[in-house]
N, C-alpha and C. Protein backbone atom coordinates (compact mmCIF):
# COMPACT_ATOMS: atom_id res chain seq x y z
N MET A 1 0.84 -1.18 0.00
CA MET A 1 0.00 0.00 0.00
C MET A 1 0.89 1.24 0.00
N PRO A 2 0.69 2.18 -0.92
CA PRO A 2 1.53 3.37 -1.00
C PRO A 2 1.42 4.23 0.26
N VAL A 3 2.50 4.91 0.57
CA VAL A 3 2.54 5.81 1.70
C VAL A 3 1.73 7.06 1.35
N ALA A 4 0.89 7.52 2.28
CA ALA A 4 -0.04 8.61 2.00
C ALA A 4 0.64 9.94 1.70
N SER A 5 1.67 10.30 2.42
CA SER A 5 2.26 11.61 2.20
C SER A 5 3.76 11.57 2.43
N PRO A 6 4.49 12.32 1.63
CA PRO A 6 5.95 12.31 1.80
C PRO A 6 6.40 13.20 2.95
N ARG A 7 6.21 12.75 4.15
CA ARG A 7 6.64 13.46 5.34
C ARG A 7 7.93 12.84 5.86
N SER A 8 8.71 13.67 6.51
CA SER A 8 9.94 13.17 7.11
C SER A 8 9.61 12.42 8.40
N GLY A 9 10.63 11.83 8.98
CA GLY A 9 10.45 11.12 10.24
C GLY A 9 9.97 12.00 11.37
N THR A 10 10.19 13.31 11.26
CA THR A 10 9.74 14.23 12.31
C THR A 10 8.46 14.95 11.91
N GLY A 11 7.91 14.62 10.74
CA GLY A 11 6.64 15.22 10.31
C GLY A 11 6.78 16.40 9.37
N ALA A 12 7.97 16.90 9.19
CA ALA A 12 8.19 18.01 8.26
C ALA A 12 8.11 17.51 6.83
N GLU A 13 7.99 18.43 5.89
CA GLU A 13 7.98 18.03 4.49
C GLU A 13 9.35 17.45 4.13
N ALA A 14 9.32 16.33 3.44
CA ALA A 14 10.56 15.62 3.11
C ALA A 14 11.21 16.18 1.85
N ASP A 15 12.54 16.16 1.84
CA ASP A 15 13.28 16.53 0.63
C ASP A 15 14.35 15.49 0.28
N LEU A 16 14.34 14.36 0.96
CA LEU A 16 15.29 13.29 0.71
C LEU A 16 14.48 12.00 0.51
N PHE A 17 14.63 11.38 -0.68
CA PHE A 17 13.82 10.23 -1.06
C PHE A 17 14.72 9.05 -1.40
N PHE A 18 14.08 7.91 -1.64
CA PHE A 18 14.79 6.69 -2.02
C PHE A 18 15.79 6.97 -3.14
N GLU A 19 15.38 7.69 -4.16
CA GLU A 19 16.24 7.94 -5.32
C GLU A 19 17.52 8.69 -4.94
N ASP A 20 17.50 9.44 -3.84
CA ASP A 20 18.66 10.21 -3.39
C ASP A 20 19.66 9.37 -2.60
N LEU A 21 19.24 8.20 -2.18
CA LEU A 21 20.07 7.35 -1.33
C LEU A 21 20.79 6.31 -2.18
N THR A 22 21.82 6.75 -2.84
CA THR A 22 22.56 5.89 -3.76
C THR A 22 23.76 5.26 -3.04
N PRO A 23 24.05 4.00 -3.37
CA PRO A 23 25.20 3.35 -2.73
C PRO A 23 26.47 4.20 -2.90
N GLY A 24 27.20 4.31 -1.80
CA GLY A 24 28.41 5.12 -1.78
C GLY A 24 28.20 6.49 -1.16
N ARG A 25 26.95 6.94 -1.06
CA ARG A 25 26.68 8.24 -0.45
C ARG A 25 26.90 8.14 1.05
N SER A 26 27.52 9.18 1.61
CA SER A 26 27.78 9.23 3.05
C SER A 26 27.17 10.48 3.65
N PHE A 27 26.83 10.38 4.91
CA PHE A 27 26.29 11.51 5.67
C PHE A 27 27.13 11.69 6.93
N ASP A 28 27.61 12.89 7.16
CA ASP A 28 28.28 13.25 8.41
C ASP A 28 27.16 13.60 9.39
N LEU A 29 27.02 12.83 10.45
CA LEU A 29 25.95 13.05 11.41
C LEU A 29 26.43 13.85 12.62
N GLY A 30 27.59 14.47 12.51
CA GLY A 30 28.06 15.36 13.56
C GLY A 30 28.81 14.65 14.67
N VAL A 31 29.04 15.39 15.72
CA VAL A 31 29.75 14.90 16.90
C VAL A 31 28.83 15.06 18.10
N THR A 32 28.74 14.02 18.90
CA THR A 32 27.94 14.07 20.12
C THR A 32 28.86 13.84 21.32
N THR A 33 28.60 14.56 22.39
CA THR A 33 29.36 14.40 23.62
C THR A 33 28.52 13.62 24.62
N VAL A 34 29.13 12.60 25.22
CA VAL A 34 28.42 11.74 26.17
C VAL A 34 28.20 12.50 27.48
N ASP A 35 26.95 12.69 27.83
CA ASP A 35 26.56 13.40 29.04
C ASP A 35 26.53 12.40 30.20
N GLY A 36 27.38 12.61 31.20
CA GLY A 36 27.50 11.67 32.32
C GLY A 36 26.20 11.41 33.07
N PRO A 37 25.50 12.46 33.54
CA PRO A 37 24.25 12.21 34.27
C PRO A 37 23.20 11.50 33.41
N GLU A 38 23.11 11.84 32.13
CA GLU A 38 22.16 11.17 31.24
C GLU A 38 22.53 9.70 31.05
N MET A 39 23.83 9.44 30.87
CA MET A 39 24.34 8.07 30.71
C MET A 39 23.98 7.22 31.93
N LEU A 40 24.18 7.77 33.11
CA LEU A 40 23.89 7.07 34.36
C LEU A 40 22.39 6.86 34.54
N ALA A 41 21.59 7.89 34.26
CA ALA A 41 20.14 7.77 34.39
C ALA A 41 19.60 6.69 33.44
N PHE A 42 20.11 6.65 32.22
CA PHE A 42 19.69 5.61 31.27
C PHE A 42 20.01 4.23 31.84
N ALA A 43 21.23 4.06 32.33
CA ALA A 43 21.64 2.75 32.85
C ALA A 43 20.81 2.36 34.06
N ARG A 44 20.56 3.30 34.95
CA ARG A 44 19.75 2.97 36.13
C ARG A 44 18.36 2.50 35.74
N ARG A 45 17.81 3.08 34.70
CA ARG A 45 16.45 2.71 34.28
C ARG A 45 16.41 1.45 33.42
N PHE A 46 17.36 1.33 32.47
CA PHE A 46 17.24 0.29 31.46
C PHE A 46 18.31 -0.80 31.49
N ASP A 47 19.46 -0.54 32.10
CA ASP A 47 20.56 -1.51 32.05
C ASP A 47 21.38 -1.42 33.33
N PRO A 48 20.79 -1.72 34.49
CA PRO A 48 21.44 -1.48 35.77
C PRO A 48 22.49 -2.52 36.17
N GLN A 49 23.43 -2.74 35.30
CA GLN A 49 24.55 -3.62 35.64
C GLN A 49 25.63 -2.78 36.34
N TRP A 50 26.39 -3.41 37.22
CA TRP A 50 27.32 -2.68 38.08
C TRP A 50 28.29 -1.80 37.32
N TYR A 51 28.78 -2.23 36.17
CA TYR A 51 29.77 -1.43 35.44
C TYR A 51 29.15 -0.22 34.76
N HIS A 52 27.81 -0.13 34.77
CA HIS A 52 27.11 1.04 34.25
C HIS A 52 26.61 1.96 35.36
N VAL A 53 26.40 1.42 36.59
CA VAL A 53 25.73 2.22 37.63
C VAL A 53 26.48 2.37 38.95
N ASP A 54 27.49 1.56 39.21
CA ASP A 54 28.18 1.62 40.51
C ASP A 54 29.60 2.15 40.32
N PRO A 55 29.81 3.46 40.56
CA PRO A 55 31.12 4.06 40.29
C PRO A 55 32.28 3.43 41.07
N GLU A 56 32.03 3.06 42.32
CA GLU A 56 33.12 2.50 43.14
C GLU A 56 33.53 1.11 42.64
N VAL A 57 32.57 0.25 42.42
CA VAL A 57 32.88 -1.10 41.95
C VAL A 57 33.49 -1.04 40.56
N ALA A 58 32.94 -0.19 39.69
CA ALA A 58 33.47 -0.06 38.33
C ALA A 58 34.91 0.48 38.34
N ALA A 59 35.20 1.42 39.26
CA ALA A 59 36.54 1.99 39.34
C ALA A 59 37.57 0.95 39.78
N ALA A 60 37.15 0.01 40.63
CA ALA A 60 38.06 -1.02 41.13
C ALA A 60 38.18 -2.20 40.16
N SER A 61 37.44 -2.18 39.07
CA SER A 61 37.45 -3.29 38.12
C SER A 61 38.40 -3.01 36.96
N HIS A 62 38.48 -3.97 36.06
CA HIS A 62 39.30 -3.78 34.86
C HIS A 62 38.76 -2.67 33.96
N HIS A 63 37.52 -2.22 34.19
CA HIS A 63 36.95 -1.11 33.41
C HIS A 63 37.53 0.23 33.84
N GLY A 64 37.98 0.34 35.09
CA GLY A 64 38.59 1.58 35.58
C GLY A 64 37.60 2.70 35.79
N GLY A 65 36.32 2.42 35.75
CA GLY A 65 35.28 3.43 35.96
C GLY A 65 34.03 3.03 35.21
N LEU A 66 33.01 3.85 35.34
CA LEU A 66 31.74 3.56 34.68
C LEU A 66 31.89 3.56 33.17
N ILE A 67 31.20 2.64 32.53
CA ILE A 67 31.11 2.62 31.07
C ILE A 67 29.64 2.69 30.69
N ALA A 68 29.37 3.29 29.55
CA ALA A 68 27.99 3.46 29.08
C ALA A 68 27.40 2.12 28.68
N SER A 69 26.11 2.00 28.88
CA SER A 69 25.37 0.87 28.32
C SER A 69 25.49 0.95 26.80
N GLY A 70 25.67 -0.18 26.16
CA GLY A 70 25.71 -0.19 24.70
C GLY A 70 24.42 0.34 24.10
N PHE A 71 23.30 0.09 24.78
CA PHE A 71 22.03 0.58 24.27
C PHE A 71 21.91 2.09 24.41
N TYR A 72 22.55 2.67 25.40
CA TYR A 72 22.62 4.13 25.49
C TYR A 72 23.44 4.66 24.31
N THR A 73 24.56 4.01 24.02
CA THR A 73 25.40 4.45 22.91
C THR A 73 24.65 4.38 21.60
N VAL A 74 23.92 3.30 21.35
CA VAL A 74 23.16 3.22 20.09
C VAL A 74 22.03 4.24 20.08
N SER A 75 21.51 4.62 21.24
CA SER A 75 20.48 5.67 21.26
C SER A 75 21.09 7.02 20.86
N LEU A 76 22.36 7.25 21.18
CA LEU A 76 23.03 8.48 20.73
C LEU A 76 23.16 8.48 19.21
N PHE A 77 23.47 7.29 18.64
CA PHE A 77 23.50 7.19 17.18
C PHE A 77 22.13 7.52 16.61
N MET A 78 21.07 6.92 17.19
CA MET A 78 19.73 7.11 16.65
C MET A 78 19.35 8.58 16.66
N ARG A 79 19.71 9.29 17.71
CA ARG A 79 19.39 10.73 17.78
C ARG A 79 20.10 11.48 16.65
N ALA A 80 21.36 11.18 16.41
CA ALA A 80 22.10 11.84 15.32
C ALA A 80 21.49 11.50 13.97
N TYR A 81 21.06 10.25 13.77
CA TYR A 81 20.42 9.81 12.53
C TYR A 81 19.11 10.56 12.30
N VAL A 82 18.31 10.69 13.35
CA VAL A 82 17.05 11.45 13.22
C VAL A 82 17.35 12.91 12.91
N ASP A 83 18.26 13.52 13.65
CA ASP A 83 18.54 14.95 13.48
C ASP A 83 19.07 15.29 12.09
N HIS A 84 19.91 14.42 11.53
CA HIS A 84 20.62 14.77 10.29
C HIS A 84 20.06 14.11 9.03
N VAL A 85 19.30 13.03 9.16
CA VAL A 85 18.77 12.34 7.97
C VAL A 85 17.26 12.18 8.05
N LEU A 86 16.76 11.49 9.06
CA LEU A 86 15.33 11.20 9.11
C LEU A 86 14.47 12.45 9.24
N SER A 87 15.02 13.53 9.77
CA SER A 87 14.26 14.77 9.90
C SER A 87 13.94 15.38 8.54
N ARG A 88 14.63 14.94 7.50
CA ARG A 88 14.37 15.45 6.15
C ARG A 88 14.05 14.36 5.14
N ALA A 89 14.08 13.10 5.56
CA ALA A 89 13.87 11.98 4.64
C ALA A 89 12.42 11.50 4.65
N ALA A 90 11.95 11.14 3.46
CA ALA A 90 10.63 10.51 3.33
C ALA A 90 10.81 9.04 3.71
N ALA A 91 10.83 8.82 5.01
CA ALA A 91 11.14 7.49 5.54
C ALA A 91 9.91 6.85 6.13
N ASP A 92 9.88 5.56 6.07
CA ASP A 92 8.86 4.76 6.72
C ASP A 92 9.58 4.01 7.84
N ALA A 93 9.07 2.89 8.26
CA ALA A 93 9.69 2.11 9.32
C ALA A 93 10.95 1.39 8.82
N SER A 94 11.61 0.75 9.73
CA SER A 94 12.78 -0.05 9.39
C SER A 94 12.42 -1.52 9.43
N PRO A 95 12.73 -2.27 8.36
CA PRO A 95 12.44 -3.70 8.38
C PRO A 95 13.47 -4.53 9.13
N GLY A 96 14.50 -3.91 9.70
CA GLY A 96 15.37 -4.73 10.53
C GLY A 96 16.80 -4.27 10.68
N LEU A 97 17.37 -4.73 11.76
CA LEU A 97 18.75 -4.50 12.12
C LEU A 97 19.52 -5.77 11.77
N GLU A 98 20.64 -5.61 11.10
CA GLU A 98 21.44 -6.76 10.68
C GLU A 98 22.67 -6.96 11.54
N GLU A 99 23.26 -5.86 11.98
CA GLU A 99 24.49 -5.95 12.79
C GLU A 99 24.48 -4.80 13.79
N LEU A 100 24.89 -5.09 15.00
CA LEU A 100 25.10 -4.07 16.02
C LEU A 100 26.28 -4.52 16.84
N ARG A 101 27.37 -3.76 16.75
CA ARG A 101 28.60 -4.14 17.46
C ARG A 101 29.06 -2.99 18.34
N TRP A 102 29.33 -3.31 19.60
CA TRP A 102 29.96 -2.36 20.52
C TRP A 102 31.43 -2.74 20.56
N LEU A 103 32.27 -1.88 20.04
CA LEU A 103 33.67 -2.23 19.80
C LEU A 103 34.63 -1.75 20.88
N ALA A 104 34.22 -0.77 21.66
CA ALA A 104 35.08 -0.24 22.73
C ALA A 104 34.18 0.47 23.74
N PRO A 105 34.62 0.51 25.00
CA PRO A 105 33.81 1.19 26.02
C PRO A 105 33.65 2.68 25.71
N VAL A 106 32.50 3.19 26.10
CA VAL A 106 32.18 4.62 25.98
C VAL A 106 32.01 5.15 27.39
N ARG A 107 32.55 6.35 27.62
CA ARG A 107 32.51 6.94 28.96
C ARG A 107 31.98 8.37 28.91
N ALA A 108 31.54 8.82 30.07
CA ALA A 108 31.08 10.21 30.19
C ALA A 108 32.17 11.15 29.68
N GLY A 109 31.75 12.14 28.89
CA GLY A 109 32.69 13.12 28.35
C GLY A 109 33.27 12.75 27.00
N ASP A 110 33.15 11.49 26.59
CA ASP A 110 33.66 11.10 25.27
C ASP A 110 32.96 11.91 24.19
N ARG A 111 33.72 12.26 23.17
CA ARG A 111 33.17 12.92 21.99
C ARG A 111 33.18 11.90 20.86
N LEU A 112 31.99 11.66 20.30
CA LEU A 112 31.83 10.61 19.30
C LEU A 112 31.40 11.20 17.97
N ALA A 113 32.20 10.96 16.93
CA ALA A 113 31.86 11.37 15.57
C ALA A 113 31.00 10.28 14.94
N VAL A 114 29.91 10.69 14.29
CA VAL A 114 28.94 9.74 13.77
C VAL A 114 28.86 9.88 12.25
N ARG A 115 28.86 8.74 11.57
CA ARG A 115 28.80 8.72 10.11
C ARG A 115 27.83 7.64 9.65
N LEU A 116 27.13 7.93 8.55
CA LEU A 116 26.18 7.00 7.95
C LEU A 116 26.54 6.81 6.49
N ASP A 117 26.56 5.56 6.03
CA ASP A 117 26.88 5.24 4.64
C ASP A 117 25.76 4.44 4.02
N VAL A 118 25.42 4.77 2.77
CA VAL A 118 24.45 3.99 2.02
C VAL A 118 25.21 2.84 1.38
N ILE A 119 24.81 1.61 1.69
CA ILE A 119 25.51 0.42 1.22
C ILE A 119 24.84 -0.17 -0.02
N GLY A 120 23.53 -0.23 -0.02
CA GLY A 120 22.80 -0.82 -1.13
C GLY A 120 21.35 -0.40 -1.09
N ARG A 121 20.63 -0.68 -2.18
CA ARG A 121 19.21 -0.34 -2.22
C ARG A 121 18.51 -1.14 -3.31
N LYS A 122 17.18 -1.26 -3.14
CA LYS A 122 16.34 -1.89 -4.16
C LYS A 122 14.90 -1.50 -3.89
N PRO A 123 14.06 -1.53 -4.92
CA PRO A 123 12.63 -1.29 -4.68
C PRO A 123 12.10 -2.37 -3.76
N SER A 124 11.20 -2.02 -2.87
CA SER A 124 10.62 -3.00 -1.96
C SER A 124 9.62 -3.87 -2.69
N THR A 125 9.70 -5.17 -2.45
CA THR A 125 8.70 -6.09 -2.99
C THR A 125 7.54 -6.25 -2.02
N ALA A 126 7.76 -5.95 -0.75
CA ALA A 126 6.73 -6.09 0.27
C ALA A 126 5.89 -4.83 0.42
N ARG A 127 6.45 -3.68 0.08
CA ARG A 127 5.78 -2.40 0.31
C ARG A 127 5.82 -1.55 -0.95
N PRO A 128 4.85 -1.64 -1.85
CA PRO A 128 4.84 -0.82 -3.06
C PRO A 128 4.94 0.67 -2.72
N GLY A 129 5.68 1.39 -3.54
CA GLY A 129 5.88 2.82 -3.30
C GLY A 129 7.06 3.13 -2.41
N LEU A 130 7.69 2.06 -1.89
CA LEU A 130 8.86 2.24 -1.03
C LEU A 130 10.05 1.50 -1.62
N GLY A 131 11.23 1.92 -1.21
CA GLY A 131 12.44 1.21 -1.53
C GLY A 131 13.15 0.83 -0.24
N THR A 132 13.86 -0.27 -0.27
CA THR A 132 14.64 -0.74 0.88
C THR A 132 16.08 -0.28 0.70
N VAL A 133 16.60 0.40 1.70
CA VAL A 133 17.97 0.90 1.66
C VAL A 133 18.75 0.25 2.80
N THR A 134 19.90 -0.31 2.47
CA THR A 134 20.79 -0.86 3.49
C THR A 134 21.79 0.22 3.87
N LEU A 135 21.88 0.48 5.17
CA LEU A 135 22.72 1.56 5.69
C LEU A 135 23.71 1.01 6.71
N GLY A 136 24.88 1.61 6.75
CA GLY A 136 25.89 1.26 7.74
C GLY A 136 26.28 2.52 8.49
N ALA A 137 26.53 2.39 9.76
CA ALA A 137 26.91 3.56 10.56
C ALA A 137 28.05 3.21 11.49
N THR A 138 28.83 4.23 11.80
CA THR A 138 29.91 4.08 12.77
C THR A 138 29.91 5.27 13.72
N MET A 139 30.41 5.01 14.92
CA MET A 139 30.70 6.07 15.89
C MET A 139 32.16 5.88 16.27
N VAL A 140 32.90 6.98 16.21
CA VAL A 140 34.34 6.95 16.49
C VAL A 140 34.65 7.96 17.59
N ARG A 141 35.36 7.50 18.62
CA ARG A 141 35.80 8.40 19.68
C ARG A 141 36.87 9.33 19.14
N LEU A 142 36.73 10.61 19.45
CA LEU A 142 37.72 11.60 19.03
C LEU A 142 38.64 11.92 20.20
N GLY A 143 39.91 12.16 19.88
CA GLY A 143 40.88 12.56 20.89
C GLY A 143 40.80 14.05 21.16
N ALA A 144 41.62 14.52 22.07
CA ALA A 144 41.65 15.93 22.41
C ALA A 144 41.98 16.81 21.21
N ASP A 145 42.69 16.24 20.25
CA ASP A 145 43.07 16.97 19.03
C ASP A 145 42.03 16.82 17.91
N ASP A 146 40.85 16.29 18.25
CA ASP A 146 39.76 16.04 17.29
C ASP A 146 40.09 14.99 16.24
N GLN A 147 41.14 14.24 16.45
CA GLN A 147 41.49 13.16 15.53
C GLN A 147 40.83 11.86 16.01
N PRO A 148 40.42 11.00 15.07
CA PRO A 148 39.80 9.72 15.45
C PRO A 148 40.76 8.88 16.29
N GLU A 149 40.24 8.34 17.40
CA GLU A 149 41.03 7.47 18.27
C GLU A 149 40.64 6.01 18.11
N GLN A 150 39.32 5.75 18.19
CA GLN A 150 38.87 4.36 18.20
C GLN A 150 37.40 4.27 17.81
N GLU A 151 37.09 3.30 16.96
CA GLU A 151 35.70 3.03 16.62
C GLU A 151 35.04 2.38 17.83
N VAL A 152 33.88 2.91 18.25
CA VAL A 152 33.21 2.37 19.43
C VAL A 152 31.91 1.66 19.09
N LEU A 153 31.32 1.95 17.92
CA LEU A 153 30.06 1.32 17.54
C LEU A 153 30.02 1.16 16.03
N ARG A 154 29.47 0.02 15.60
CA ARG A 154 29.22 -0.22 14.18
C ARG A 154 27.86 -0.89 14.07
N THR A 155 27.06 -0.42 13.14
CA THR A 155 25.75 -1.03 12.92
C THR A 155 25.43 -1.06 11.44
N ARG A 156 24.60 -2.01 11.08
CA ARG A 156 24.11 -2.12 9.71
C ARG A 156 22.64 -2.49 9.80
N PHE A 157 21.82 -1.78 9.05
CA PHE A 157 20.38 -1.96 9.13
C PHE A 157 19.74 -1.56 7.82
N ARG A 158 18.44 -1.82 7.72
CA ARG A 158 17.69 -1.45 6.53
C ARG A 158 16.61 -0.45 6.91
N GLY A 159 16.28 0.42 5.96
CA GLY A 159 15.19 1.36 6.15
C GLY A 159 14.34 1.40 4.90
N TRP A 160 13.06 1.68 5.09
CA TRP A 160 12.17 1.89 3.96
C TRP A 160 12.07 3.38 3.71
N PHE A 161 12.21 3.77 2.44
CA PHE A 161 12.11 5.18 2.05
C PHE A 161 11.15 5.30 0.88
N VAL A 162 10.38 6.36 0.89
CA VAL A 162 9.37 6.61 -0.12
C VAL A 162 10.04 6.94 -1.46
N LEU A 163 9.47 6.39 -2.54
CA LEU A 163 9.93 6.76 -3.88
C LEU A 163 9.37 8.13 -4.22
N ARG A 164 10.20 8.96 -4.81
CA ARG A 164 9.78 10.31 -5.18
C ARG A 164 8.58 10.25 -6.11
N ASP A 165 8.65 9.35 -7.08
CA ASP A 165 7.55 9.15 -8.02
C ASP A 165 7.20 7.67 -8.01
N PRO A 166 6.23 7.27 -7.18
CA PRO A 166 5.91 5.84 -7.07
C PRO A 166 5.49 5.18 -8.38
N ALA A 167 5.05 5.98 -9.36
CA ALA A 167 4.64 5.40 -10.64
C ALA A 167 5.84 5.03 -11.50
N ALA A 168 6.99 5.67 -11.26
CA ALA A 168 8.20 5.38 -12.03
C ALA A 168 8.84 4.11 -11.50
N THR A 169 9.56 3.43 -12.35
CA THR A 169 10.29 2.24 -11.92
C THR A 169 11.70 2.69 -11.53
N PRO A 170 12.03 2.63 -10.24
CA PRO A 170 13.36 3.07 -9.82
C PRO A 170 14.44 2.10 -10.27
N SER A 171 15.63 2.64 -10.40
CA SER A 171 16.75 1.76 -10.75
C SER A 171 17.06 0.87 -9.57
N THR A 172 17.48 -0.33 -9.86
CA THR A 172 17.88 -1.27 -8.82
C THR A 172 19.39 -1.32 -8.80
N ASP A 173 19.96 -1.00 -7.68
CA ASP A 173 21.40 -1.08 -7.53
C ASP A 173 21.74 -2.39 -6.87
N THR A 174 22.82 -3.01 -7.31
CA THR A 174 23.24 -4.22 -6.64
C THR A 174 23.83 -3.85 -5.30
N GLY A 175 23.76 -4.73 -4.39
CA GLY A 175 24.29 -4.46 -3.06
C GLY A 175 23.55 -5.30 -2.06
N PRO A 176 23.89 -5.15 -0.80
CA PRO A 176 23.33 -5.99 0.25
C PRO A 176 21.81 -5.98 0.32
N ALA A 177 21.14 -4.90 -0.07
CA ALA A 177 19.68 -4.87 0.02
C ALA A 177 19.06 -5.94 -0.88
N ASP A 178 19.76 -6.32 -1.95
CA ASP A 178 19.22 -7.28 -2.89
C ASP A 178 19.09 -8.69 -2.32
N GLN A 179 19.74 -8.99 -1.21
CA GLN A 179 19.64 -10.33 -0.66
C GLN A 179 18.37 -10.53 0.16
N TYR A 180 17.52 -9.51 0.24
CA TYR A 180 16.29 -9.59 1.01
C TYR A 180 15.10 -9.46 0.09
N PRO A 181 14.66 -10.57 -0.53
CA PRO A 181 13.61 -10.49 -1.54
C PRO A 181 12.27 -10.01 -1.00
N ASP A 182 12.01 -10.13 0.27
CA ASP A 182 10.71 -9.72 0.82
C ASP A 182 10.77 -8.40 1.56
N SER A 183 11.77 -7.60 1.29
CA SER A 183 11.89 -6.35 2.06
C SER A 183 11.40 -5.17 1.27
């Protein structure tokens, strides 16, 4: 069933469509700074493991202090994705997450650079009027000199995006999205 209106993920008029999301395109999603009280509040509510919520025990462990919940870290990615892409994209829901890797601990005060890459795309066979786009994202900790220090998060997922002209037949690009015939 076609999507009723080309609205962005935040409800504004969309200016980014399936046709604009070509493999190889990258988006700089900015830099986010990890807020200590927010990180701790998230962990206390959703992931109350000692290395996320108990400063004394965490300090005496091999972690050397509190580390962020991985789900808090991925929520920081999601906020950057909404702010920089979904706020202007004619997007629908996501048909799934393929990879989510936490590669290094994240701590209060860390500055994380966020990037999104279009990996592949194809018209959706399950949702007429939409295309399935495979996206990859990374978060990299920056040093005091603003140079990348270490990748802390990697994810790969699919999103449905509205075709600018649903009556036109969009080009099909080869890539990872093609391995999902029902997406």
